[in-house]
C-alpha atoms as a PDB file:
ATOM      1  CA  MET A   1      40.921 -29.423   7.838  1.00  0.00           C
ATOM      2  CA  PRO A   2      41.027 -25.722   8.812  1.00  0.00           C
ATOM      3  CA  ASN A   3      44.235 -23.781   8.379  1.00  0.00           C
ATOM      4  CA  LEU A   4      46.087 -23.533  11.713  1.00  0.00           C
ATOM      5  CA  LEU A   5      46.777 -19.831  11.325  1.00  0.00           C
ATOM      6  CA  ASP A   6      43.095 -19.121  10.596  1.00  0.00           C
ATOM      7  CA  SER A   7      42.081 -21.106  13.653  1.00  0.00           C
ATOM      8  CA  ILE A   8      44.444 -19.076  15.849  1.00  0.00           C
ATOM      9  CA  LEU A   9      43.273 -15.758  14.374  1.00  0.00           C
ATOM     10  CA  ASN A  10      39.630 -16.696  14.891  1.00  0.00           C
ATOM     11  CA  LEU A  11      40.284 -16.848  18.617  1.00  0.00           C
ATOM     12  CA  PHE A  12      40.958 -13.112  18.606  1.00  0.00           C
ATOM     13  CA  ARG A  13      38.195 -12.036  16.243  1.00  0.00           C
ATOM     14  CA  PRO A  14      35.003 -10.710  17.853  1.00  0.00           C
ATOM     15  CA  ALA A  15      32.058 -13.054  17.473  1.00  0.00           C
ATOM     16  CA  ARG A  16      29.305 -11.760  15.222  1.00  0.00           C
ATOM     17  CA  PHE A  17      26.678 -13.068  17.600  1.00  0.00           C
ATOM     18  CA  PRO A  18      26.868 -12.951  21.415  1.00  0.00           C
ATOM     19  CA  ALA A  19      27.538 -16.210  23.206  1.00  0.00           C
ATOM     20  CA  ASP A  20      24.683 -18.124  24.789  1.00  0.00           C
ATOM     21  CA  ASN A  21      23.924 -17.138  28.348  1.00  0.00           C
ATOM     22  CA  ALA A  22      21.324 -18.760  30.607  1.00  0.00           C
ATOM     23  CA  THR A  23      21.353 -16.135  33.355  1.00  0.00           C
ATOM     24  CA  GLU A  24      21.459 -12.782  31.567  1.00  0.00           C
ATOM     25  CA  PRO A  25      18.464 -10.758  32.824  1.00  0.00           C
ATOM     26  CA  ALA A  26      15.775  -9.419  30.509  1.00  0.00           C
ATOM     27  CA  GLN A  27      16.424  -5.736  29.851  1.00  0.00           C
ATOM     28  CA  ILE A  28      13.869  -2.961  30.233  1.00  0.00           C
ATOM     29  CA  THR A  29      13.718  -0.751  27.150  1.00  0.00           C
ATOM     30  CA  ARG A  30      12.933   2.899  27.787  1.00  0.00           C
ATOM     31  CA  SER A  31      12.089   4.713  24.592  1.00  0.00           C
ATOM     32  CA  LYS A  32      11.723   8.472  24.137  1.00  0.00           C
ATOM     33  CA  VAL A  33       9.076   9.372  21.581  1.00  0.00           C
ATOM     34  CA  LEU A  34       8.514  12.480  19.495  1.00  0.00           C
ATOM     35  CA  VAL A  35       4.800  12.714  18.651  1.00  0.00           C
ATOM     36  CA  ILE A  36       3.752  14.791  15.629  1.00  0.00           C
ATOM     37  CA  VAL A  37       0.019  15.321  15.110  1.00  0.00           C
ATOM     38  CA  TYR A  38      -1.327  16.553  11.776  1.00  0.00           C
ATOM     39  CA  ASP A  39      -4.782  17.858  12.648  1.00  0.00           C
ATOM     40  CA  PRO A  40      -5.577  20.838  10.407  1.00  0.00           C
ATOM     41  CA  VAL A  41      -8.412  23.281  10.969  1.00  0.00           C
ATOM     42  CA  ILE A  42     -11.132  22.100   8.622  1.00  0.00           C
ATOM     43  CA  ASP A  43     -13.806  24.694   9.424  1.00  0.00           C
ATOM     44  CA  THR A  44     -12.453  28.235   9.699  1.00  0.00           C
ATOM     45  CA  SER A  45     -15.814  29.579  10.869  1.00  0.00           C
ATOM     46  CA  THR A  46     -15.683  27.516  14.058  1.00  0.00           C
ATOM     47  CA  GLY A  47     -11.991  26.659  14.292  1.00  0.00           C
ATOM     48  CA  ALA A  48     -12.840  22.959  14.397  1.00  0.00           C
ATOM     49  CA  THR A  49      -9.963  20.668  13.498  1.00  0.00           C
ATOM     50  CA  LEU A  50     -10.366  17.654  11.257  1.00  0.00           C
ATOM     51  CA  SER A  51     -10.491  15.188  14.152  1.00  0.00           C
ATOM     52  CA  ARG A  52     -13.147  17.186  15.979  1.00  0.00           C
ATOM     53  CA  LYS A  53     -15.203  17.975  12.877  1.00  0.00           C
ATOM     54  CA  MET A  54     -15.332  14.289  11.988  1.00  0.00           C
ATOM     55  CA  ASN A  55     -15.850  13.180  15.603  1.00  0.00           C
ATOM     56  CA  TRP A  56     -12.759  11.008  15.443  1.00  0.00           C
ATOM     57  CA  HIS A  57     -10.632   9.977  18.413  1.00  0.00           C
ATOM     58  CA  ASP A  58      -8.683  12.247  20.721  1.00  0.00           C
ATOM     59  CA  THR A  59      -4.959  11.740  20.178  1.00  0.00           C
ATOM     60  CA  GLY A  60      -4.190  12.142  23.873  1.00  0.00           C
ATOM     61  CA  ASP A  61      -6.531   9.289  24.749  1.00  0.00           C
ATOM     62  CA  LEU A  62      -5.041   7.124  22.013  1.00  0.00           C
ATOM     63  CA  LEU A  63      -1.537   7.712  23.342  1.00  0.00           C
ATOM     64  CA  THR A  64      -2.501   7.014  26.947  1.00  0.00           C
ATOM     65  CA  HIS A  65      -4.279   3.736  26.227  1.00  0.00           C
ATOM     66  CA  PHE A  66      -1.778   2.479  23.662  1.00  0.00           C
ATOM     67  CA  MET A  67       1.238   3.043  25.898  1.00  0.00           C
ATOM     68  CA  ALA A  68      -0.603   1.415  28.798  1.00  0.00           C
ATOM     69  CA  ASP A  69      -1.372  -1.631  26.649  1.00  0.00           C
ATOM     70  CA  MET A  70       2.257  -1.958  25.566  1.00  0.00           C
ATOM     71  CA  LEU A  71       3.418  -1.675  29.167  1.00  0.00           C
ATOM     72  CA  GLU A  72       0.910  -4.362  30.141  1.00  0.00           C
ATOM     73  CA  VAL A  73       1.648  -6.921  27.428  1.00  0.00           C
ATOM     74  CA  SER A  74       5.427  -6.533  27.807  1.00  0.00           C
ATOM     75  CA  LYS A  75       5.056  -6.892  31.590  1.00  0.00           C
ATOM     76  CA  GLY A  76       6.860  -3.592  32.088  1.00  0.00           C
ATOM     77  CA  LEU A  77       9.766  -4.323  29.753  1.00  0.00           C
ATOM     78  CA  VAL A  78       8.762  -1.635  27.213  1.00  0.00           C
ATOM     79  CA  ARG A  79       8.307   1.831  28.657  1.00  0.00           C
ATOM     80  CA  TYR A  80       7.482   4.610  26.238  1.00  0.00           C
ATOM     81  CA  GLU A  81       7.768   8.265  27.214  1.00  0.00           C
ATOM     82  CA  VAL A  82       6.454  11.101  25.066  1.00  0.00           C
ATOM     83  CA  VAL A  83       9.188  13.736  25.377  1.00  0.00           C
ATOM     84  CA  GLN A  84       7.562  16.179  22.968  1.00  0.00           C
ATOM     85  CA  ARG A  85       4.250  16.521  21.183  1.00  0.00           C
ATOM     86  CA  ILE A  86       3.919  18.837  18.194  1.00  0.00           C
ATOM     87  CA  ASN A  87       0.433  19.744  16.954  1.00  0.00           C
ATOM     88  CA  LEU A  88       0.295  20.987  13.363  1.00  0.00           C
ATOM     89  CA  ASN A  89      -2.470  22.905  11.643  1.00  0.00           C
ATOM     90  CA  GLU A  90      -1.544  21.540   8.231  1.00  0.00           C
ATOM     91  CA  PHE A  91      -1.784  18.658   5.809  1.00  0.00           C
ATOM     92  CA  PRO A  92       1.589  16.925   5.281  1.00  0.00           C
ATOM     93  CA  ALA A  93       3.259  17.182   1.883  1.00  0.00           C
ATOM     94  CA  LYS A  94       3.289  14.188  -0.437  1.00  0.00           C
ATOM     95  CA  VAL A  95       6.483  13.052  -2.168  1.00  0.00           C
ATOM     96  CA  ASP A  96       5.600  15.214  -5.175  1.00  0.00           C
ATOM     97  CA  GLY A  97       4.945  18.292  -3.004  1.00  0.00           C
ATOM     98  CA  PHE A  98       1.148  18.116  -3.137  1.00  0.00           C
ATOM     99  CA  ARG A  99      -0.824  19.043  -0.025  1.00  0.00           C
ATOM    100  CA  TYR A 100      -4.526  18.619   0.546  1.00  0.00           C
ATOM    101  CA  THR A 101      -6.626  21.624   1.463  1.00  0.00           C
ATOM    102  CA  PRO A 102      -9.699  21.317   3.674  1.00  0.00           C
ATOM    103  CA  LYS A 103     -11.895  21.327   0.574  1.00  0.00           C
ATOM    104  CA  SER A 104      -9.845  18.896  -1.520  1.00  0.00           C
ATOM    105  CA  PHE A 105      -9.573  16.479   1.404  1.00  0.00           C
ATOM    106  CA  MET A 106     -13.314  16.538   2.058  1.00  0.00           C
ATOM    107  CA  ASP A 107     -13.931  15.986  -1.653  1.00  0.00           C
ATOM    108  CA  VAL A 108     -11.859  12.808  -1.404  1.00  0.00           C
ATOM    109  CA  TRP A 109     -13.551  11.778   1.843  1.00  0.00           C
ATOM    110  CA  ASN A 110     -16.969  12.261   0.260  1.00  0.00           C
ATOM    111  CA  ARG A 111     -15.802  10.350  -2.832  1.00  0.00           C
ATOM    112  CA  THR A 112     -16.461  13.158  -5.256  1.00  0.00           C
ATOM    113  CA  THR A 113     -12.805  13.083  -6.330  1.00  0.00           C
ATOM    114  CA  PRO A 114     -10.223  10.266  -6.144  1.00  0.00           C
ATOM    115  CA  PRO A 115      -7.317  10.350  -3.667  1.00  0.00           C
ATOM    116  CA  HIS A 116      -4.181  12.129  -4.835  1.00  0.00           C
ATOM    117  CA  MET A 117      -1.497   9.922  -6.311  1.00  0.00           C
ATOM    118  CA  PRO A 118       1.224   9.272  -5.288  1.00  0.00           C
ATOM    119  CA  GLN A 119      -0.177   8.913  -1.784  1.00  0.00           C
ATOM    120  CA  GLU A 120       3.108   8.528   0.153  1.00  0.00           C
ATOM    121  CA  VAL A 121       4.040  11.350   2.502  1.00  0.00           C
ATOM    122  CA  ASP A 122       7.403  13.087   2.061  1.00  0.00           C
ATOM    123  CA  TYR A 123       9.248  11.524   4.990  1.00  0.00           C
ATOM    124  CA  HIS A 124      12.470  13.345   4.224  1.00  0.00           C
ATOM    125  CA  ALA A 125      10.674  16.683   4.505  1.00  0.00           C
ATOM    126  CA  ILE A 126       9.458  15.646   7.960  1.00  0.00           C
ATOM    127  CA  LEU A 127      12.938  14.498   8.973  1.00  0.00           C
ATOM    128  CA  LYS A 128      14.417  17.820   7.885  1.00  0.00           C
ATOM    129  CA  LYS A 129      11.710  20.076   9.351  1.00  0.00           C
ATOM    130  CA  PHE A 130      11.940  18.530  12.812  1.00  0.00           C
ATOM    131  CA  ASN A 131      15.690  17.806  12.810  1.00  0.00           C
ATOM    132  CA  ILE A 132      14.921  14.168  13.530  1.00  0.00           C
ATOM    133  CA  LEU A 133      18.173  12.543  12.397  1.00  0.00           C
ATOM    134  CA  GLN A 134      20.229  14.834  14.606  1.00  0.00           C
ATOM    135  CA  ARG A 135      17.891  14.389  17.561  1.00  0.00           C
ATOM    136  CA  VAL A 136      18.142  10.602  17.288  1.00  0.00           C
ATOM    137  CA  ALA A 137      21.932  10.880  17.064  1.00  0.00           C
ATOM    138  CA  ARG A 138      21.991  12.991  20.241  1.00  0.00           C
ATOM    139  CA  ASN A 139      19.763  10.448  22.044  1.00  0.00           C
ATOM    140  CA  GLU A 140      17.080  13.089  22.548  1.00  0.00           C
ATOM    141  CA  ILE A 141      14.509  10.813  20.919  1.00  0.00           C
ATOM    142  CA  ASP A 142      14.414   7.128  20.011  1.00  0.00           C
ATOM    143  CA  GLU A 143      11.477   7.041  17.614  1.00  0.00           C
ATOM    144  CA  VAL A 144       8.710   9.145  16.066  1.00  0.00           C
ATOM    145  CA  TRP A 145       4.951   8.601  16.097  1.00  0.00           C
ATOM    146  CA  LEU A 146       2.967  10.412  13.423  1.00  0.00           C
ATOM    147  CA  PHE A 147      -0.772  10.875  13.826  1.00  0.00           C
ATOM    148  CA  GLY A 148      -2.935  11.690  10.859  1.00  0.00           C
ATOM    149  CA  PHE A 149      -6.032  10.745   8.949  1.00  0.00           C
ATOM    150  CA  PRO A 150      -7.088   8.532   6.029  1.00  0.00           C
ATOM    151  CA  HIS A 151      -5.037   9.352   2.900  1.00  0.00           C
ATOM    152  CA  ALA A 152      -2.314  11.050   4.964  1.00  0.00           C
ATOM    153  CA  GLY A 153       0.220   8.784   3.258  1.00  0.00           C
ATOM    154  CA  PHE A 154       1.908   7.276   6.326  1.00  0.00           C
ATOM    155  CA  TYR A 155       3.209   3.728   6.376  1.00  0.00           C
ATOM    156  CA  GLU A 156       2.213   1.805   9.488  1.00  0.00           C
ATOM    157  CA  SER A 157       5.918   1.718  10.286  1.00  0.00           C
ATOM    158  CA  ILE A 158       9.135   2.584   8.497  1.00  0.00           C
ATOM    159  CA  MET A 159      12.753   2.318   9.650  1.00  0.00           C
ATOM    160  CA  GLY A 160      15.674   4.649   9.116  1.00  0.00           C
ATOM    161  CA  GLY A 161      19.290   4.880  10.226  1.00  0.00           C
ATOM    162  CA  PRO A 162      22.451   2.890   9.424  1.00  0.00           C
ATOM    163  CA  GLY A 163      21.601  -0.736   8.693  1.00  0.00           C
ATOM    164  CA  ALA A 164      17.873  -0.001   8.455  1.00  0.00           C
ATOM    165  CA  PHE A 165      15.875  -2.933   7.099  1.00  0.00           C
ATOM    166  CA  TRP A 166      12.341  -3.736   5.993  1.00  0.00           C
ATOM    167  CA  CYS A 167       9.838  -2.775   8.704  1.00  0.00           C
ATOM    168  CA  ASN A 168       6.489  -3.308   6.989  1.00  0.00           C
ATOM    169  CA  SER A 169       7.848  -0.911   4.349  1.00  0.00           C
ATOM    170  CA  LYS A 170      11.150  -0.309   2.600  1.00  0.00           C
ATOM    171  CA  PRO A 171      13.784   1.450   4.743  1.00  0.00           C
ATOM    172  CA  LEU A 172      14.317   5.184   4.563  1.00  0.00           C
ATOM    173  CA  THR A 173      17.335   6.080   2.447  1.00  0.00           C
ATOM    174  CA  ASN A 174      19.999   8.679   3.292  1.00  0.00           C
ATOM    175  CA  THR A 175      19.360   8.568   7.018  1.00  0.00           C
ATOM    176  CA  ALA A 176      22.706   7.325   8.380  1.00  0.00           C
ATOM    177  CA  ALA A 177      23.251  10.679  10.115  1.00  0.00           C
ATOM    178  CA  SER A 178      21.010   9.395  12.919  1.00  0.00           C
ATOM    179  CA  LYS A 179      23.915   7.070  13.861  1.00  0.00           C
ATOM    180  CA  ARG A 180      21.466   4.361  14.944  1.00  0.00           C
ATOM    181  CA  ARG A 181      18.270   2.788  13.703  1.00  0.00           C
ATOM    182  CA  PHE A 182      14.933   4.374  14.513  1.00  0.00           C
ATOM    183  CA  ILE A 183      11.306   3.792  13.565  1.00  0.00           C
ATOM    184  CA  ILE A 184       8.580   6.165  12.487  1.00  0.00           C
ATOM    185  CA  MET A 185       5.131   4.826  13.316  1.00  0.00           C
ATOM    186  CA  GLY A 186       2.101   6.039  11.366  1.00  0.00           C
ATOM    187  CA  PHE A 187      -1.178   6.094  13.284  1.00  0.00           C
ATOM    188  CA  SER A 188      -4.632   7.382  12.380  1.00  0.00           C
ATOM    189  CA  TYR A 189      -6.932   9.119  14.838  1.00  0.00           C
ATOM    190  CA  GLU A 190      -9.837   7.906  12.748  1.00  0.00           C
ATOM    191  CA  ARG A 191      -9.031   4.430  14.126  1.00  0.00           C
ATOM    192  CA  TYR A 192      -8.694   3.169  17.700  1.00  0.00           C
ATOM    193  CA  ILE A 193      -6.267   1.265  19.924  1.00  0.00           C
ATOM    194  CA  GLY A 194      -6.683  -2.099  18.203  1.00  0.00           C
ATOM    195  CA  GLU A 195      -5.543  -0.633  14.902  1.00  0.00           C
ATOM    196  CA  MET A 196      -2.580   1.041  16.611  1.00  0.00           C
ATOM    197  CA  MET A 197      -1.592  -2.346  17.997  1.00  0.00           C
ATOM    198  CA  GLU A 198      -2.018  -3.866  14.547  1.00  0.00           C
ATOM    199  CA  SER A 199       0.483  -1.372  13.120  1.00  0.00           C
ATOM    200  CA  TYR A 200       2.865  -2.143  15.975  1.00  0.00           C
ATOM    201  CA  GLY A 201       2.295  -5.853  15.411  1.00  0.00           C
ATOM    202  CA  HIS A 202       3.475  -5.644  11.814  1.00  0.00           C
ATOM    203  CA  ARG A 203       6.520  -3.770  13.069  1.00  0.00           C
ATOM    204  CA  ALA A 204       7.166  -6.622  15.511  1.00  0.00           C
ATOM    205  CA  GLU A 205       6.785  -9.222  12.749  1.00  0.00           C
ATOM    206  CA  SER A 206       9.347  -7.471  10.555  1.00  0.00           C
ATOM    207  CA  ILE A 207      11.859  -7.052  13.367  1.00  0.00           C
ATOM    208  CA  MET A 208      11.600 -10.621  14.634  1.00  0.00           C
ATOM    209  CA  GLU A 209      11.813 -11.982  11.084  1.00  0.00           C
ATOM    210  CA  LYS A 210      15.125 -10.138  10.728  1.00  0.00           C
ATOM    211  CA  THR A 211      16.312 -11.115  14.196  1.00  0.00           C
ATOM    212  CA  PHE A 212      15.987 -14.831  13.393  1.00  0.00           C
ATOM    213  CA  SER A 213      16.980 -14.592   9.713  1.00  0.00           C
ATOM    214  CA  ASN A 214      20.290 -16.367  10.287  1.00  0.00           C
ATOM    215  CA  LEU A 215      18.720 -19.365  11.999  1.00  0.00           C
ATOM    216  CA  THR A 216      16.996 -22.292  10.317  1.00  0.00           C
ATOM    217  CA  GLY A 217      14.895 -25.286  11.282  1.00  0.00           C
ATOM    218  CA  GLU A 218      13.850 -25.625  14.909  1.00  0.00           C
ATOM    219  CA  SER A 219      16.422 -23.001  15.912  1.00  0.00           C
ATOM    220  CA  ASN A 220      14.279 -20.368  14.240  1.00  0.00           C
ATOM    221  CA  LEU A 221      11.860 -19.882  17.091  1.00  0.00           C
ATOM    222  CA  TRP A 222      10.074 -17.030  15.335  1.00  0.00           C
ATOM    223  CA  LYS A 223       8.929 -19.367  12.568  1.00  0.00           C
ATOM    224  CA  ARG A 224       7.660 -21.739  15.255  1.00  0.00           C
ATOM    225  CA  PHE A 225       5.901 -18.975  17.197  1.00  0.00           C
ATOM    226  CA  ILE A 226       3.825 -17.783  14.208  1.00  0.00           C
ATOM    227  CA  ARG A 227       2.516 -21.201  13.155  1.00  0.00           C
ATOM    228  CA  TYR A 228      -1.256 -21.536  12.846  1.00  0.00           C
ATOM    229  CA  ASP A 229      -3.339 -24.594  12.104  1.00  0.00           C
ATOM    230  CA  LYS A 230      -4.315 -23.792   8.523  1.00  0.00           C
ATOM    231  CA  THR A 231      -0.695 -23.763   7.330  1.00  0.00           C
ATOM    232  CA  SER A 232       0.788 -26.035  10.013  1.00  0.00           C
ATOM    233  CA  PRO A 233      -1.879 -28.654  10.802  1.00  0.00           C
ATOM    234  CA  GLY A 234      -1.420 -30.086  14.266  1.00  0.00           C
ATOM    235  CA  LYS A 235       1.514 -27.756  14.990  1.00  0.00           C
ATOM    236  CA  SER A 236      -0.286 -24.498  15.735  1.00  0.00           C
ATOM    237  CA  ALA A 237       1.388 -22.066  18.106  1.00  0.00           C
ATOM    238  CA  CYS A 238       0.424 -18.385  18.454  1.00  0.00           C
ATOM    239  CA  GLY A 239      -0.178 -17.326  14.863  1.00  0.00           C
ATOM    240  CA  ASN A 240       0.544 -13.843  13.587  1.00  0.00           C
ATOM    241  CA  VAL A 241      -1.132 -10.434  13.580  1.00  0.00           C
ATOM    242  CA  HIS A 242      -3.749 -11.426  10.985  1.00  0.00           C
ATOM    243  CA  PHE A 243      -4.127 -15.123  11.805  1.00  0.00           C
ATOM    244  CA  ALA A 244      -5.029 -16.533  15.224  1.00  0.00           C
ATOM    245  CA  PRO A 245      -4.160 -20.209  15.847  1.00  0.00           C
ATOM    246  CA  ASN A 246      -7.446 -21.334  14.243  1.00  0.00           C
ATOM    247  CA  SER A 247      -8.002 -18.591  11.627  1.00  0.00           C
ATOM    248  CA  GLN A 248      -8.978 -19.636   8.127  1.00  0.00           C
ATOM    249  CA  SER A 249      -8.453 -16.202   6.522  1.00  0.00           C
ATOM    250  CA  ASP A 250      -7.065 -12.733   7.248  1.00  0.00           C
ATOM    251  CA  TYR A 251      -8.591 -11.048  10.331  1.00  0.00           C
ATOM    252  CA  ASP A 252     -10.549 -14.205  11.199  1.00  0.00           C
ATOM    253  CA  TRP A 253     -10.121 -13.634  14.938  1.00  0.00           C
ATOM    254  CA  GLY A 254     -13.676 -14.637  15.825  1.00  0.00           C
ATOM    255  CA  ASN A 255     -13.490 -18.197  14.539  1.00  0.00           C
ATOM    256  CA  SER A 256     -14.936 -20.659  17.081  1.00  0.00           C
ATOM    257  CA  LEU A 257     -13.238 -23.685  15.466  1.00  0.00           C
ATOM    258  CA  PRO A 258     -11.334 -25.647  18.156  1.00  0.00           C
ATOM    259  CA  VAL A 259      -7.712 -26.476  17.313  1.00  0.00           C
ATOM    260  CA  GLN A 260      -4.738 -27.880  19.158  1.00  0.00           C
ATOM    261  CA  SER A 261      -2.120 -25.235  19.968  1.00  0.00           C
ATOM    262  CA  GLU A 262       1.082 -24.946  21.958  1.00  0.00           C
ATOM    263  CA  CYS A 263       0.363 -21.287  22.801  1.00  0.00           C
ATOM    264  CA  TYR A 264       0.301 -22.048  26.536  1.00  0.00           C
ATOM    265  CA  ASP A 265       3.754 -23.597  26.288  1.00  0.00           C
ATOM    266  CA  TRP A 266       5.001 -20.251  24.967  1.00  0.00           C
ATOM    267  CA  LEU A 267       3.177 -18.333  27.667  1.00  0.00           C
ATOM    268  CA  LEU A 268       4.130 -20.472  30.658  1.00  0.00           C
ATOM    269  CA  ASN A 269       7.261 -22.457  29.873  1.00  0.00           C
ATOM    270  CA  PHE A 270       9.484 -20.670  27.315  1.00  0.00           C
ATOM    271  CA  PRO A 271      12.338 -21.383  26.679  1.00  0.00           C
ATOM    272  CA  ASN A 272      12.009 -24.817  28.296  1.00  0.00           C
ATOM    273  CA  PHE A 273       9.019 -26.168  26.408  1.00  0.00           C
ATOM    274  CA  LYS A 274       7.132 -29.006  28.094  1.00  0.00           C
ATOM    275  CA  GLY A 275       4.850 -30.106  25.278  1.00  0.00           C
ATOM    276  CA  ASP A 276       1.876 -28.224  26.759  1.00  0.00           C
ATOM    277  CA  VAL A 277      -0.667 -28.526  23.916  1.00  0.00           C
ATOM    278  CA  ARG A 278      -4.279 -27.524  24.542  1.00  0.00           C
ATOM    279  CA  THR A 279      -7.513 -27.080  22.624  1.00  0.00           C
ATOM    280  CA  VAL A 280      -8.173 -23.383  22.008  1.00  0.00           C
ATOM    281  CA  THR A 281     -10.875 -21.296  20.321  1.00  0.00           C
ATOM    282  CA  SER A 282     -11.513 -17.595  19.821  1.00  0.00           C
ATOM    283  CA  LYS A 283     -12.700 -17.377  23.432  1.00  0.00           C
ATOM    284  CA  GLU A 284      -9.001 -17.192  24.305  1.00  0.00           C
ATOM    285  CA  TRP A 285      -8.452 -13.948  22.383  1.00  0.00           C
ATOM    286  CA  GLY A 286     -11.690 -11.985  22.556  1.00  0.00           C
ATOM    287  CA  GLU A 287     -13.961 -13.670  20.010  1.00  0.00           C
ATOM    288  CA  GLY A 288     -13.166 -11.293  17.174  1.00  0.00           C
ATOM    289  CA  ASN A 289     -12.206  -8.105  19.011  1.00  0.00           C
ATOM    290  CA  ILE A 290      -9.102  -6.688  17.324  1.00  0.00           C
ATOM    291  CA  ARG A 291      -7.591  -5.124  20.435  1.00  0.00           C
ATOM    292  CA  ALA A 292      -8.221  -8.224  22.549  1.00  0.00           C
ATOM    293  CA  HIS A 293      -6.613 -10.494  19.971  1.00  0.00           C
ATOM    294  CA  HIS A 294      -3.526  -8.337  19.590  1.00  0.00           C
ATOM    295  CA  LYS A 295      -3.060  -8.060  23.349  1.00  0.00           C
ATOM    296  CA  TRP A 296      -3.391 -11.832  23.615  1.00  0.00           C
ATOM    297  CA  TRP A 297      -0.812 -12.294  20.840  1.00  0.00           C
ATOM    298  CA  PHE A 298       1.688  -9.833  22.296  1.00  0.00           C
ATOM    299  CA  ASN A 299       1.219 -11.369  25.721  1.00  0.00           C
ATOM    300  CA  HIS A 300       2.739 -14.603  24.404  1.00  0.00           C
ATOM    301  CA  PHE A 301       5.979 -12.972  23.198  1.00  0.00           C
ATOM    302  CA  PRO A 302       8.991 -14.296  25.143  1.00  0.00           C
ATOM    303  CA  ARG A 303      10.196 -11.847  27.783  1.00  0.00           C
ATOM    304  CA  VAL A 304      12.475 -13.859  30.061  1.00  0.00           C
ATOM    305  CA  GLY A 305      16.200 -13.722  30.727  1.00  0.00           C
ATOM    306  CA  GLY A 306      18.932 -15.605  28.922  1.00  0.00           C
ATOM    307  CA  ARG A 307      20.163 -15.916  25.361  1.00  0.00           C
ATOM    308  CA  ARG A 308      20.174 -18.837  22.935  1.00  0.00           C
ATOM    309  CA  ASN A 309      21.754 -19.086  19.475  1.00  0.00           C
ATOM    310  CA  GLY A 310      22.761 -15.455  19.829  1.00  0.00           C
ATOM    311  CA  VAL A 311      19.183 -14.249  20.358  1.00  0.00           C
ATOM    312  CA  HIS A 312      17.879 -12.820  23.635  1.00  0.00           C
ATOM    313  CA  ASN A 313      14.997 -14.696  25.239  1.00  0.00           C
ATOM    314  CA  ASN A 314      13.383 -11.295  25.758  1.00  0.00           C
ATOM    315  CA  TRP A 315      12.138 -10.421  22.278  1.00  0.00           C
ATOM    316  CA  TRP A 316      10.943  -7.003  23.401  1.00  0.00           C
ATOM    317  CA  GLN A 317      14.567  -5.836  23.449  1.00  0.00           C
ATOM    318  CA  TYR A 318      14.521  -6.033  19.667  1.00  0.00           C
ATOM    319  CA  ILE A 319      10.969  -4.893  18.971  1.00  0.00           C
ATOM    320  CA  ALA A 320      11.321  -1.690  20.987  1.00  0.00           C
ATOM    321  CA  ALA A 321      15.012  -1.126  20.175  1.00  0.00           C
ATOM    322  CA  PRO A 322      15.720  -2.284  16.595  1.00  0.00           C
ATOM    323  CA  GLN A 323      19.331  -1.113  16.821  1.00  0.00           C
ATOM    324  CA  GLN A 324      19.952  -4.279  18.858  1.00  0.00           C
ATOM    325  CA  VAL A 325      19.176  -6.520  15.873  1.00  0.00           C
ATOM    326  CA  ILE A 326      22.399  -7.905  14.395  1.00  0.00           C
ATOM    327  CA  VAL A 327      22.358  -7.612  10.598  1.00  0.00           C
END
């Protein structure tokens, strides 16, 4: 039997998790982004940058389409704004201080020499050079998007700030001066929108895993959401970034195998599931197209009002604003 004094004191202690609420509206998250583009001049005779020399994608187009996709799949609940873009004529430094030159990079690209090891970029040098921790603390920016090239050394996503946790990579150390959590995304202009969404998808997986880490069994709705038929026969839901409901292996988004899935229950009825189970195939998510699959997957993320078991029914509030995750 609990101690009477403890019971009385507990009445005045703040709850670790917010109380359930059926009417709380879904919040819009507005996020200010600092974009840093590493696109060095690769041909001094013409002034052509790496992206242009290699006929890779225009960063402005990538930003426009990616932000539009995120606005679409979140139904307007995630609104990114680029507050500053910095274009750099340089290769970023690795953790050991090494920097590629135009020649050494092209030697690696042409496979005449191996990539430099260690490959990881010096994130702390970037944080210092652009005063990122202080700018996050002053609410001037909420996150950073790096654009680079193969072998640049960026993680798809990495988190810093007090209480930072795994976000598809280990958290950045010594970053508490930001006073709140923030994410640095790593994109490549060699790739296109689907790959940008893949990077963001792994970010979402990490954040939702942490968000539901204190809940078990059927209360852990994230575990239910990511079920797919291969690992949960007859209980498929929406799968994860790499596995659609019927996938048999990584990236198997074009599989035509029909399976039973409750994905429509998530799309139409969450949080009041009605047992809506339907037969689905890859026709639902673009028959193998990476961007189409990821948009389909994101489109099934809960984004309604209310809160249950301390977790908002709008998951985008966590994905776009990781400081809201209770750790």
